[in-house]
Amino acid sequence: TQTGAGCTATVAPASLSFPAAGGSSTLNLQTAGTNCTWFGVGGPGVTFPTGRTGTNSASLPVEFSANPSNFARESFILLANKRIPITQPAGQ
C-alpha cells in the first residue's frame, strides 16, 4: 500500500524465482509523487531483512526460505500495491 499526494509506483523485477535451497534478491521500487510511503507484505517463506516500510524510491532486500517439500511452491510479495509472484522448485 502507498499513500501521499499523486503517488504512483513501479517495481522491478515483476516476478522472482528462487532455487530449492532458498536465497535472496532485491526489489527496486521507483515512486513518483510527494511523500510516497509504502510497505511490503510477504506470503509464506518471505522475509524482509532490513524492514518492510519506507518512503519514496528504494531498494528492498528480500529473502526466501528453503523449500523442504517434494512439491514446487509459489508465494508472493505485495509492495506498493504491486503483486510480485514467487516460484520455487521442489526441495530434495
N, C-alpha and C. Protein backbone atom coordinates (compact mmCIF):
# COMPACT_ATOMS: atom_id res chain seq x y z
N THR A 1 0.85 -1.18 0.00
CA THR A 1 0.00 0.00 0.00
C THR A 1 0.89 1.23 0.00
N GLN A 2 0.38 2.30 -0.58
CA GLN A 2 1.14 3.55 -0.59
C GLN A 2 0.20 4.72 -0.33
N THR A 3 0.76 5.77 0.22
CA THR A 3 0.00 6.98 0.48
C THR A 3 0.82 8.17 0.06
N GLY A 4 0.18 9.31 -0.07
CA GLY A 4 0.89 10.53 -0.46
C GLY A 4 0.21 11.15 -1.66
N ALA A 5 0.53 12.41 -1.92
CA ALA A 5 -0.12 13.15 -2.98
C ALA A 5 0.33 12.66 -4.36
N GLY A 6 -0.59 12.13 -5.14
CA GLY A 6 -0.30 11.72 -6.50
C GLY A 6 0.72 10.61 -6.63
N CYS A 7 0.83 9.74 -5.65
CA CYS A 7 1.85 8.69 -5.68
C CYS A 7 1.52 7.59 -6.67
N THR A 8 2.51 7.24 -7.44
CA THR A 8 2.47 6.05 -8.30
C THR A 8 3.78 5.31 -8.07
N ALA A 9 3.76 4.02 -8.37
CA ALA A 9 4.96 3.22 -8.13
C ALA A 9 5.13 2.16 -9.20
N THR A 10 6.39 1.83 -9.47
CA THR A 10 6.72 0.67 -10.30
C THR A 10 7.72 -0.16 -9.51
N VAL A 11 7.65 -1.48 -9.71
CA VAL A 11 8.54 -2.40 -9.01
C VAL A 11 9.20 -3.31 -10.03
N ALA A 12 10.52 -3.52 -9.87
CA ALA A 12 11.26 -4.44 -10.73
C ALA A 12 12.14 -5.32 -9.85
N PRO A 13 12.29 -6.57 -10.17
CA PRO A 13 11.63 -7.25 -11.27
C PRO A 13 10.15 -7.50 -10.97
N ALA A 14 9.40 -7.89 -12.01
CA ALA A 14 7.96 -8.12 -11.88
C ALA A 14 7.65 -9.48 -11.27
N SER A 15 8.63 -10.38 -11.22
CA SER A 15 8.45 -11.69 -10.60
C SER A 15 9.81 -12.17 -10.10
N LEU A 16 9.78 -13.15 -9.18
CA LEU A 16 11.02 -13.71 -8.63
C LEU A 16 10.97 -15.22 -8.70
N SER A 17 12.13 -15.84 -8.84
CA SER A 17 12.27 -17.29 -8.81
C SER A 17 13.49 -17.61 -7.96
N PHE A 18 13.32 -18.51 -7.01
CA PHE A 18 14.42 -18.90 -6.13
C PHE A 18 14.70 -20.39 -6.28
N PRO A 19 15.95 -20.82 -6.07
CA PRO A 19 16.25 -22.25 -6.09
C PRO A 19 15.63 -22.94 -4.88
N ALA A 20 15.59 -24.26 -4.90
CA ALA A 20 15.00 -25.03 -3.80
C ALA A 20 15.66 -24.69 -2.46
N ALA A 21 16.94 -24.34 -2.49
CA ALA A 21 17.68 -24.01 -1.26
C ALA A 21 17.30 -22.63 -0.70
N GLY A 22 16.49 -21.87 -1.41
CA GLY A 22 16.14 -20.52 -0.99
C GLY A 22 17.19 -19.54 -1.44
N GLY A 23 17.08 -18.29 -1.01
CA GLY A 23 18.07 -17.30 -1.40
C GLY A 23 17.59 -15.90 -1.13
N SER A 24 18.27 -14.95 -1.75
CA SER A 24 17.93 -13.54 -1.54
C SER A 24 17.92 -12.81 -2.88
N SER A 25 17.23 -11.69 -2.89
CA SER A 25 17.15 -10.85 -4.08
C SER A 25 16.85 -9.44 -3.61
N THR A 26 16.76 -8.52 -4.54
CA THR A 26 16.42 -7.14 -4.23
C THR A 26 15.33 -6.67 -5.17
N LEU A 27 14.32 -6.04 -4.59
CA LEU A 27 13.28 -5.40 -5.39
C LEU A 27 13.60 -3.91 -5.47
N ASN A 28 13.46 -3.35 -6.65
CA ASN A 28 13.71 -1.93 -6.85
C ASN A 28 12.37 -1.22 -7.04
N LEU A 29 12.06 -0.33 -6.12
CA LEU A 29 10.81 0.40 -6.13
C LEU A 29 11.08 1.84 -6.55
N GLN A 30 10.40 2.27 -7.60
CA GLN A 30 10.51 3.65 -8.07
C GLN A 30 9.16 4.32 -7.85
N THR A 31 9.16 5.45 -7.14
CA THR A 31 7.92 6.17 -6.88
C THR A 31 7.94 7.53 -7.56
N ALA A 32 6.75 8.03 -7.84
CA ALA A 32 6.57 9.38 -8.34
C ALA A 32 5.45 10.00 -7.53
N GLY A 33 5.65 11.21 -7.08
CA GLY A 33 4.67 11.88 -6.23
C GLY A 33 5.38 12.50 -5.04
N THR A 34 4.60 12.94 -4.07
CA THR A 34 5.15 13.60 -2.89
C THR A 34 4.91 12.76 -1.65
N ASN A 35 5.97 12.54 -0.86
CA ASN A 35 5.87 11.78 0.39
C ASN A 35 5.18 10.43 0.20
N CYS A 36 5.69 9.65 -0.72
CA CYS A 36 5.11 8.34 -1.02
C CYS A 36 5.60 7.31 -0.02
N THR A 37 4.79 7.03 0.98
CA THR A 37 5.13 5.99 1.94
C THR A 37 4.57 4.67 1.45
N TRP A 38 5.26 3.57 1.75
CA TRP A 38 4.84 2.26 1.26
C TRP A 38 5.22 1.20 2.28
N PHE A 39 4.62 0.03 2.13
CA PHE A 39 5.04 -1.12 2.92
C PHE A 39 4.87 -2.38 2.09
N GLY A 40 5.61 -3.40 2.48
CA GLY A 40 5.57 -4.68 1.80
C GLY A 40 4.96 -5.74 2.69
N VAL A 41 4.28 -6.67 2.07
CA VAL A 41 3.69 -7.82 2.75
C VAL A 41 4.19 -9.06 2.02
N GLY A 42 4.68 -10.03 2.76
CA GLY A 42 5.19 -11.25 2.15
C GLY A 42 4.34 -12.45 2.47
N GLY A 43 4.18 -13.33 1.48
CA GLY A 43 3.49 -14.60 1.68
C GLY A 43 4.41 -15.59 2.38
N PRO A 44 4.01 -16.85 2.45
CA PRO A 44 4.82 -17.87 3.13
C PRO A 44 6.24 -17.94 2.58
N GLY A 45 7.22 -17.98 3.49
CA GLY A 45 8.63 -18.10 3.12
C GLY A 45 9.37 -16.80 2.91
N VAL A 46 8.65 -15.68 2.88
CA VAL A 46 9.25 -14.37 2.57
C VAL A 46 9.63 -13.62 3.84
N THR A 47 10.84 -13.07 3.86
CA THR A 47 11.23 -12.14 4.93
C THR A 47 11.89 -10.91 4.31
N PHE A 48 11.82 -9.82 5.05
CA PHE A 48 12.43 -8.55 4.65
C PHE A 48 13.50 -8.23 5.68
N PRO A 49 14.77 -8.55 5.43
CA PRO A 49 15.81 -8.42 6.45
C PRO A 49 16.09 -7.00 6.92
N THR A 50 15.77 -6.00 6.11
CA THR A 50 16.04 -4.61 6.52
C THR A 50 14.75 -3.86 6.83
N GLY A 51 13.64 -4.57 6.94
CA GLY A 51 12.35 -3.92 7.20
C GLY A 51 11.50 -3.89 5.94
N ARG A 52 10.22 -3.59 6.13
CA ARG A 52 9.29 -3.64 5.00
C ARG A 52 8.52 -2.36 4.78
N THR A 53 9.02 -1.25 5.32
CA THR A 53 8.37 0.04 5.12
C THR A 53 9.39 1.06 4.64
N GLY A 54 8.90 2.11 3.99
CA GLY A 54 9.80 3.15 3.53
C GLY A 54 9.04 4.33 2.94
N THR A 55 9.81 5.29 2.48
CA THR A 55 9.26 6.48 1.85
C THR A 55 10.02 6.74 0.56
N ASN A 56 9.27 6.96 -0.51
CA ASN A 56 9.81 7.25 -1.84
C ASN A 56 10.60 6.07 -2.40
N SER A 57 11.37 6.27 -3.44
CA SER A 57 12.07 5.18 -4.13
C SER A 57 13.07 4.48 -3.22
N ALA A 58 13.23 3.17 -3.42
CA ALA A 58 14.12 2.41 -2.55
C ALA A 58 14.46 1.07 -3.18
N SER A 59 15.53 0.46 -2.69
CA SER A 59 15.86 -0.94 -2.99
C SER A 59 15.53 -1.74 -1.74
N LEU A 60 14.77 -2.80 -1.91
CA LEU A 60 14.28 -3.58 -0.77
C LEU A 60 14.81 -5.01 -0.85
N PRO A 61 15.74 -5.39 0.05
CA PRO A 61 16.22 -6.77 0.09
C PRO A 61 15.10 -7.72 0.52
N VAL A 62 15.09 -8.89 -0.11
CA VAL A 62 14.08 -9.92 0.17
C VAL A 62 14.80 -11.25 0.32
N GLU A 63 14.37 -12.05 1.29
CA GLU A 63 14.90 -13.40 1.44
C GLU A 63 13.75 -14.39 1.35
N PHE A 64 14.05 -15.57 0.77
CA PHE A 64 13.04 -16.61 0.62
C PHE A 64 13.62 -17.90 1.17
N SER A 65 12.86 -18.57 2.02
CA SER A 65 13.36 -19.76 2.72
C SER A 65 13.49 -20.97 1.79
N ALA A 66 14.24 -21.95 2.25
CA ALA A 66 14.39 -23.21 1.52
C ALA A 66 13.05 -23.93 1.46
N ASN A 67 12.84 -24.71 0.42
CA ASN A 67 11.62 -25.47 0.26
C ASN A 67 11.87 -26.91 0.74
N PRO A 68 11.31 -27.29 1.88
CA PRO A 68 11.55 -28.63 2.41
C PRO A 68 10.63 -29.69 1.77
N SER A 69 9.71 -29.25 0.95
CA SER A 69 8.68 -30.13 0.38
C SER A 69 9.17 -30.82 -0.90
N ASN A 70 8.50 -31.89 -1.26
CA ASN A 70 8.76 -32.58 -2.53
C ASN A 70 7.96 -31.97 -3.67
N PHE A 71 7.32 -30.86 -3.41
CA PHE A 71 6.50 -30.19 -4.41
C PHE A 71 6.99 -28.76 -4.61
N ALA A 72 6.89 -28.28 -5.84
CA ALA A 72 7.21 -26.88 -6.11
C ALA A 72 6.23 -26.01 -5.32
N ARG A 73 6.63 -24.80 -5.01
CA ARG A 73 5.72 -23.91 -4.31
C ARG A 73 5.73 -22.51 -4.91
N GLU A 74 4.68 -21.79 -4.59
CA GLU A 74 4.53 -20.41 -5.03
C GLU A 74 4.24 -19.54 -3.83
N SER A 75 4.64 -18.30 -3.90
CA SER A 75 4.33 -17.33 -2.86
C SER A 75 4.21 -15.98 -3.56
N PHE A 76 4.29 -14.91 -2.79
CA PHE A 76 4.10 -13.58 -3.39
C PHE A 76 4.63 -12.51 -2.44
N ILE A 77 4.81 -11.34 -3.01
CA ILE A 77 5.08 -10.12 -2.24
C ILE A 77 4.12 -9.06 -2.75
N LEU A 78 3.50 -8.34 -1.84
CA LEU A 78 2.72 -7.15 -2.19
C LEU A 78 3.55 -5.96 -1.76
N LEU A 79 3.90 -5.11 -2.70
CA LEU A 79 4.74 -3.95 -2.42
C LEU A 79 4.17 -2.75 -3.16
N ALA A 80 3.76 -1.73 -2.42
CA ALA A 80 3.21 -0.50 -3.01
C ALA A 80 2.08 -0.83 -3.99
N ASN A 81 1.19 -1.72 -3.56
CA ASN A 81 0.02 -2.14 -4.34
C ASN A 81 0.38 -2.94 -5.59
N LYS A 82 1.58 -3.44 -5.68
CA LYS A 82 2.00 -4.28 -6.81
C LYS A 82 2.21 -5.70 -6.29
N ARG A 83 1.72 -6.70 -7.03
CA ARG A 83 1.88 -8.10 -6.65
C ARG A 83 3.04 -8.70 -7.43
N ILE A 84 4.03 -9.24 -6.71
CA ILE A 84 5.20 -9.87 -7.32
C ILE A 84 5.12 -11.36 -7.00
N PRO A 85 4.82 -12.19 -8.01
CA PRO A 85 4.75 -13.64 -7.75
C PRO A 85 6.14 -14.24 -7.56
N ILE A 86 6.20 -15.31 -6.75
CA ILE A 86 7.45 -16.02 -6.48
C ILE A 86 7.24 -17.49 -6.79
N THR A 87 8.19 -18.09 -7.49
CA THR A 87 8.16 -19.53 -7.74
C THR A 87 9.43 -20.18 -7.20
N GLN A 88 9.30 -21.46 -6.85
CA GLN A 88 10.43 -22.21 -6.30
C GLN A 88 10.21 -23.69 -6.60
N PRO A 89 11.24 -24.39 -7.10
CA PRO A 89 11.08 -25.82 -7.37
C PRO A 89 11.04 -26.63 -6.07
N ALA A 90 10.70 -27.90 -6.21
CA ALA A 90 10.64 -28.80 -5.07
C ALA A 90 12.00 -28.95 -4.42
N GLY A 91 11.98 -29.16 -3.10
CA GLY A 91 13.21 -29.45 -2.38
C GLY A 91 13.58 -30.91 -2.57
N GLN A 92 14.76 -31.29 -2.14
CA GLN A 92 15.19 -32.68 -2.32
C GLN A 92 15.17 -33.44 -1.03
